[in-house]
Amino acid sequence: QAQLVESGGGLVQSGGSLRLSCAASGFTFSIYAMTWYRQAPGKERELVALIANPGSSTNYADSVKGRFTISRDNAKNTVYLQMNNLKPDDTAVYYCNAHRYLKHYWGQGTQVTVSS
């Protein structure tokens, strides 16, 4: 069965960096578009970054452009989110999503907390 497992979250000071990873299994990772979402307390889940397949074109939320970078390693079935210059507003649970047509898979999320 399909599974996504996020890791790399934690507590970091404002201006710091974190690298999130999402390891996929149980489906053909390379043909799925991969997306990072986040959800802060009391807010709706929002798209952070997307990387397509194939060709790996990317798209970012305006709030993270220039600070976050999404990438994928199809050989390792893993998608990454490099987060630099983190701000307190980046505090949220970050979720990994795989999608292709009507199929969507979600990870369990990883907490990112940025202190001021």
N, C-alpha and C. Protein backbone atom coordinates (compact mmCIF):
# COMPACT_ATOMS: atom_id res chain seq x y z
N GLN A 1 0.84 -1.18 0.00
CA GLN A 1 0.00 0.00 0.00
C GLN A 1 0.88 1.24 0.00
N ALA A 2 0.29 2.32 -0.54
CA ALA A 2 1.05 3.55 -0.65
C ALA A 2 1.32 4.15 0.72
N GLN A 3 2.52 4.70 0.88
CA GLN A 3 2.90 5.29 2.15
C GLN A 3 3.86 6.44 1.91
N LEU A 4 3.64 7.52 2.65
CA LEU A 4 4.54 8.67 2.64
C LEU A 4 4.95 8.95 4.08
N VAL A 5 6.24 9.08 4.31
CA VAL A 5 6.75 9.31 5.66
C VAL A 5 7.63 10.54 5.66
N GLU A 6 7.16 11.59 6.36
CA GLU A 6 7.93 12.83 6.45
C GLU A 6 8.90 12.77 7.63
N SER A 7 9.98 13.50 7.50
CA SER A 7 10.94 13.63 8.59
C SER A 7 11.69 14.95 8.42
N GLY A 8 12.41 15.34 9.47
CA GLY A 8 13.24 16.53 9.39
C GLY A 8 12.69 17.75 10.09
N GLY A 9 11.48 17.67 10.59
CA GLY A 9 10.92 18.81 11.31
C GLY A 9 11.60 19.01 12.65
N GLY A 10 11.26 20.12 13.29
CA GLY A 10 11.85 20.40 14.59
C GLY A 10 11.68 21.85 14.99
N LEU A 11 12.43 22.25 16.01
CA LEU A 11 12.41 23.61 16.52
C LEU A 11 13.66 24.33 16.03
N VAL A 12 13.46 25.51 15.47
CA VAL A 12 14.59 26.29 14.95
C VAL A 12 14.34 27.76 15.23
N GLN A 13 15.41 28.51 15.38
CA GLN A 13 15.26 29.95 15.59
C GLN A 13 14.98 30.66 14.28
N SER A 14 14.37 31.81 14.39
CA SER A 14 14.10 32.64 13.23
C SER A 14 15.41 32.89 12.47
N GLY A 15 15.36 32.75 11.15
CA GLY A 15 16.55 32.89 10.32
C GLY A 15 17.27 31.59 10.06
N GLY A 16 16.89 30.54 10.76
CA GLY A 16 17.54 29.26 10.61
C GLY A 16 17.01 28.47 9.42
N SER A 17 17.52 27.25 9.30
CA SER A 17 17.17 26.38 8.17
C SER A 17 16.79 24.99 8.65
N LEU A 18 15.93 24.35 7.87
CA LEU A 18 15.59 22.94 8.06
C LEU A 18 15.43 22.31 6.68
N ARG A 19 15.66 21.01 6.64
CA ARG A 19 15.42 20.26 5.41
C ARG A 19 14.46 19.12 5.73
N LEU A 20 13.29 19.18 5.11
CA LEU A 20 12.30 18.13 5.28
C LEU A 20 12.50 17.08 4.19
N SER A 21 12.23 15.83 4.55
CA SER A 21 12.26 14.73 3.60
C SER A 21 10.94 13.99 3.65
N CYS A 22 10.57 13.42 2.53
CA CYS A 22 9.36 12.60 2.44
C CYS A 22 9.71 11.36 1.64
N ALA A 23 9.72 10.23 2.31
CA ALA A 23 10.06 8.97 1.66
C ALA A 23 8.79 8.25 1.24
N ALA A 24 8.74 7.85 -0.01
CA ALA A 24 7.55 7.22 -0.57
C ALA A 24 7.78 5.74 -0.80
N SER A 25 6.70 4.98 -0.68
CA SER A 25 6.75 3.55 -0.97
C SER A 25 5.36 3.07 -1.37
N GLY A 26 5.33 1.96 -2.08
CA GLY A 26 4.05 1.35 -2.42
C GLY A 26 3.38 1.88 -3.67
N PHE A 27 4.02 2.77 -4.39
CA PHE A 27 3.49 3.26 -5.66
C PHE A 27 4.67 3.74 -6.51
N THR A 28 4.39 4.02 -7.79
CA THR A 28 5.44 4.42 -8.72
C THR A 28 5.72 5.90 -8.53
N PHE A 29 6.63 6.20 -7.64
CA PHE A 29 6.90 7.57 -7.22
C PHE A 29 7.20 8.49 -8.40
N SER A 30 7.96 8.01 -9.36
CA SER A 30 8.47 8.90 -10.41
C SER A 30 7.39 9.49 -11.30
N ILE A 31 6.20 8.89 -11.33
CA ILE A 31 5.16 9.40 -12.22
C ILE A 31 4.15 10.27 -11.48
N TYR A 32 4.39 10.50 -10.20
CA TYR A 32 3.49 11.33 -9.40
C TYR A 32 4.07 12.72 -9.21
N ALA A 33 3.20 13.72 -9.26
CA ALA A 33 3.58 15.05 -8.82
C ALA A 33 3.63 15.05 -7.29
N MET A 34 4.56 15.78 -6.74
CA MET A 34 4.73 15.81 -5.30
C MET A 34 4.57 17.23 -4.79
N THR A 35 3.89 17.36 -3.68
CA THR A 35 3.58 18.67 -3.12
C THR A 35 3.81 18.67 -1.62
N TRP A 36 4.32 19.79 -1.13
CA TRP A 36 4.36 20.04 0.31
C TRP A 36 3.25 21.02 0.65
N TYR A 37 2.49 20.67 1.67
CA TYR A 37 1.47 21.54 2.23
C TYR A 37 1.85 21.84 3.68
N ARG A 38 1.22 22.85 4.24
CA ARG A 38 1.37 23.09 5.67
C ARG A 38 0.06 23.58 6.25
N GLN A 39 -0.07 23.34 7.55
CA GLN A 39 -1.27 23.79 8.25
C GLN A 39 -0.87 24.31 9.61
N ALA A 40 -1.13 25.59 9.82
CA ALA A 40 -0.85 26.22 11.10
C ALA A 40 -2.10 26.13 11.97
N PRO A 41 -1.95 26.23 13.28
CA PRO A 41 -3.11 26.14 14.18
C PRO A 41 -4.17 27.19 13.82
N GLY A 42 -5.40 26.73 13.67
CA GLY A 42 -6.50 27.63 13.37
C GLY A 42 -6.59 28.10 11.93
N LYS A 43 -5.72 27.57 11.08
CA LYS A 43 -5.71 27.99 9.68
C LYS A 43 -5.96 26.80 8.77
N GLU A 44 -6.34 27.10 7.54
CA GLU A 44 -6.55 26.05 6.56
C GLU A 44 -5.20 25.55 6.03
N ARG A 45 -5.23 24.32 5.53
CA ARG A 45 -4.04 23.76 4.92
C ARG A 45 -3.74 24.53 3.63
N GLU A 46 -2.47 24.87 3.41
CA GLU A 46 -2.10 25.64 2.24
C GLU A 46 -0.96 24.97 1.50
N LEU A 47 -0.94 25.15 0.18
CA LEU A 47 0.13 24.61 -0.65
C LEU A 47 1.38 25.45 -0.42
N VAL A 48 2.51 24.77 -0.24
CA VAL A 48 3.79 25.44 -0.04
C VAL A 48 4.62 25.36 -1.31
N ALA A 49 4.79 24.14 -1.84
CA ALA A 49 5.63 23.96 -3.01
C ALA A 49 5.23 22.68 -3.72
N LEU A 50 5.37 22.70 -5.04
CA LEU A 50 5.02 21.56 -5.87
C LEU A 50 6.13 21.28 -6.85
N ILE A 51 6.37 20.00 -7.09
CA ILE A 51 7.31 19.59 -8.13
C ILE A 51 6.62 18.56 -9.00
N ALA A 52 6.64 18.81 -10.31
CA ALA A 52 5.88 17.99 -11.24
C ALA A 52 6.67 16.75 -11.66
N ASN A 53 6.05 15.99 -12.55
CA ASN A 53 6.70 14.82 -13.10
C ASN A 53 6.28 14.67 -14.54
N PRO A 54 7.14 14.21 -15.46
CA PRO A 54 8.58 14.31 -15.32
C PRO A 54 9.01 15.74 -15.58
N GLY A 55 10.22 15.99 -15.67
CA GLY A 55 10.72 17.33 -15.98
C GLY A 55 10.96 18.17 -14.75
N SER A 56 10.21 17.87 -13.66
CA SER A 56 10.46 18.49 -12.36
C SER A 56 10.32 20.01 -12.36
N SER A 57 9.33 20.52 -13.09
CA SER A 57 9.03 21.95 -12.95
C SER A 57 8.48 22.18 -11.55
N THR A 58 8.69 23.38 -11.02
CA THR A 58 8.32 23.68 -9.64
C THR A 58 7.42 24.90 -9.55
N ASN A 59 6.71 24.97 -8.44
CA ASN A 59 5.84 26.11 -8.17
C ASN A 59 5.83 26.33 -6.66
N TYR A 60 5.77 27.61 -6.24
CA TYR A 60 5.85 27.94 -4.83
C TYR A 60 4.77 28.94 -4.42
N ALA A 61 4.38 28.84 -3.17
CA ALA A 61 3.55 29.90 -2.61
C ALA A 61 4.36 31.19 -2.54
N ASP A 62 3.69 32.31 -2.73
CA ASP A 62 4.41 33.59 -2.72
C ASP A 62 5.15 33.80 -1.39
N SER A 63 4.59 33.30 -0.32
CA SER A 63 5.17 33.53 1.00
C SER A 63 6.51 32.83 1.21
N VAL A 64 6.82 31.84 0.36
CA VAL A 64 8.07 31.10 0.57
C VAL A 64 9.03 31.24 -0.60
N LYS A 65 8.63 31.92 -1.66
CA LYS A 65 9.51 32.08 -2.82
C LYS A 65 10.83 32.74 -2.41
N GLY A 66 11.91 32.17 -2.91
CA GLY A 66 13.23 32.69 -2.60
C GLY A 66 13.81 32.16 -1.31
N ARG A 67 13.01 31.48 -0.51
CA ARG A 67 13.49 30.92 0.77
C ARG A 67 13.43 29.39 0.79
N PHE A 68 12.43 28.81 0.14
CA PHE A 68 12.24 27.35 0.14
C PHE A 68 12.57 26.80 -1.24
N THR A 69 13.09 25.57 -1.25
CA THR A 69 13.37 24.88 -2.50
C THR A 69 12.88 23.44 -2.40
N ILE A 70 12.05 23.05 -3.36
CA ILE A 70 11.58 21.67 -3.42
C ILE A 70 12.41 20.92 -4.45
N SER A 71 12.72 19.67 -4.16
CA SER A 71 13.47 18.83 -5.10
C SER A 71 13.04 17.38 -4.90
N ARG A 72 13.39 16.55 -5.86
CA ARG A 72 13.05 15.14 -5.76
C ARG A 72 14.19 14.28 -6.25
N ASP A 73 14.30 13.10 -5.68
CA ASP A 73 15.27 12.09 -6.12
C ASP A 73 14.46 10.85 -6.44
N ASN A 74 14.20 10.63 -7.71
CA ASN A 74 13.36 9.49 -8.11
C ASN A 74 14.04 8.16 -7.82
N ALA A 75 15.36 8.15 -7.79
CA ALA A 75 16.08 6.91 -7.48
C ALA A 75 15.88 6.51 -6.02
N LYS A 76 15.66 7.50 -5.16
CA LYS A 76 15.47 7.23 -3.74
C LYS A 76 14.01 7.34 -3.31
N ASN A 77 13.12 7.61 -4.28
CA ASN A 77 11.69 7.76 -3.98
C ASN A 77 11.47 8.78 -2.86
N THR A 78 12.14 9.90 -2.96
CA THR A 78 12.11 10.89 -1.89
C THR A 78 11.96 12.29 -2.47
N VAL A 79 11.17 13.09 -1.80
CA VAL A 79 11.04 14.50 -2.12
C VAL A 79 11.52 15.30 -0.91
N TYR A 80 12.15 16.44 -1.19
CA TYR A 80 12.75 17.26 -0.15
C TYR A 80 12.16 18.67 -0.17
N LEU A 81 12.25 19.32 0.97
CA LEU A 81 11.92 20.74 1.06
C LEU A 81 13.00 21.40 1.89
N GLN A 82 13.87 22.14 1.21
CA GLN A 82 14.90 22.91 1.89
C GLN A 82 14.31 24.25 2.28
N MET A 83 14.34 24.55 3.55
CA MET A 83 13.72 25.78 4.06
C MET A 83 14.80 26.64 4.70
N ASN A 84 15.03 27.79 4.12
CA ASN A 84 16.03 28.73 4.62
C ASN A 84 15.36 30.01 5.11
N ASN A 85 16.09 30.75 5.92
CA ASN A 85 15.58 32.02 6.45
C ASN A 85 14.17 31.85 7.02
N LEU A 86 14.02 30.88 7.87
CA LEU A 86 12.70 30.57 8.42
C LEU A 86 12.20 31.70 9.30
N LYS A 87 10.89 31.87 9.29
CA LYS A 87 10.22 32.91 10.05
C LYS A 87 9.19 32.29 10.98
N PRO A 88 8.82 32.98 12.04
CA PRO A 88 7.79 32.42 12.94
C PRO A 88 6.49 32.06 12.20
N ASP A 89 6.15 32.80 11.15
CA ASP A 89 4.94 32.49 10.38
C ASP A 89 5.05 31.18 9.62
N ASP A 90 6.23 30.60 9.54
CA ASP A 90 6.39 29.29 8.89
C ASP A 90 6.04 28.15 9.83
N THR A 91 5.77 28.45 11.09
CA THR A 91 5.40 27.42 12.06
C THR A 91 4.12 26.73 11.64
N ALA A 92 4.19 25.42 11.50
CA ALA A 92 3.03 24.63 11.03
C ALA A 92 3.40 23.15 11.04
N VAL A 93 2.39 22.34 10.80
CA VAL A 93 2.64 20.94 10.47
C VAL A 93 2.76 20.86 8.95
N TYR A 94 3.84 20.27 8.50
CA TYR A 94 4.11 20.16 7.06
C TYR A 94 3.77 18.75 6.60
N TYR A 95 3.00 18.69 5.52
CA TYR A 95 2.53 17.42 4.98
C TYR A 95 3.05 17.22 3.57
N CYS A 96 3.36 15.99 3.26
CA CYS A 96 3.77 15.58 1.93
C CYS A 96 2.57 14.96 1.22
N ASN A 97 2.42 15.29 -0.05
CA ASN A 97 1.31 14.76 -0.84
C ASN A 97 1.82 14.27 -2.18
N ALA A 98 1.31 13.13 -2.60
CA ALA A 98 1.58 12.60 -3.94
C ALA A 98 0.27 12.57 -4.70
N HIS A 99 0.27 13.05 -5.92
CA HIS A 99 -0.97 13.02 -6.68
C HIS A 99 -0.73 12.76 -8.16
N ARG A 100 -1.68 12.03 -8.72
CA ARG A 100 -1.69 11.75 -10.15
C ARG A 100 -3.15 11.51 -10.53
N TYR A 101 -3.66 12.40 -11.38
CA TYR A 101 -5.07 12.38 -11.73
C TYR A 101 -5.91 12.39 -10.45
N LEU A 102 -6.74 11.41 -10.21
CA LEU A 102 -7.62 11.41 -9.04
C LEU A 102 -7.03 10.72 -7.83
N LYS A 103 -5.81 10.24 -7.94
CA LYS A 103 -5.18 9.56 -6.82
C LYS A 103 -4.37 10.55 -5.98
N HIS A 104 -4.62 10.52 -4.68
CA HIS A 104 -3.88 11.37 -3.74
C HIS A 104 -3.43 10.52 -2.57
N TYR A 105 -2.19 10.70 -2.17
CA TYR A 105 -1.68 10.05 -0.97
C TYR A 105 -1.10 11.13 -0.06
N TRP A 106 -1.27 10.94 1.26
CA TRP A 106 -0.81 11.92 2.23
C TRP A 106 0.10 11.26 3.26
N GLY A 107 1.06 12.02 3.74
CA GLY A 107 1.86 11.60 4.87
C GLY A 107 1.19 12.04 6.17
N GLN A 108 1.83 11.69 7.27
CA GLN A 108 1.25 11.97 8.59
C GLN A 108 1.62 13.36 9.10
N GLY A 109 2.58 14.00 8.45
CA GLY A 109 2.97 15.35 8.82
C GLY A 109 4.17 15.39 9.74
N THR A 110 4.88 16.50 9.68
CA THR A 110 6.00 16.74 10.59
C THR A 110 5.93 18.18 11.08
N GLN A 111 6.13 18.38 12.36
CA GLN A 111 5.97 19.69 12.97
C GLN A 111 7.22 20.53 12.76
N VAL A 112 7.02 21.76 12.30
CA VAL A 112 8.08 22.75 12.21
C VAL A 112 7.69 23.93 13.09
N THR A 113 8.55 24.27 14.02
CA THR A 113 8.31 25.39 14.92
C THR A 113 9.48 26.36 14.83
N VAL A 114 9.17 27.61 14.52
CA VAL A 114 10.19 28.64 14.37
C VAL A 114 10.00 29.65 15.50
N SER A 115 11.01 29.79 16.33
CA SER A 115 10.92 30.72 17.44
C SER A 115 11.50 32.07 17.04
N SER A 116 10.93 33.12 17.63
CA SER A 116 11.38 34.48 17.29
C SER A 116 12.53 34.92 18.18
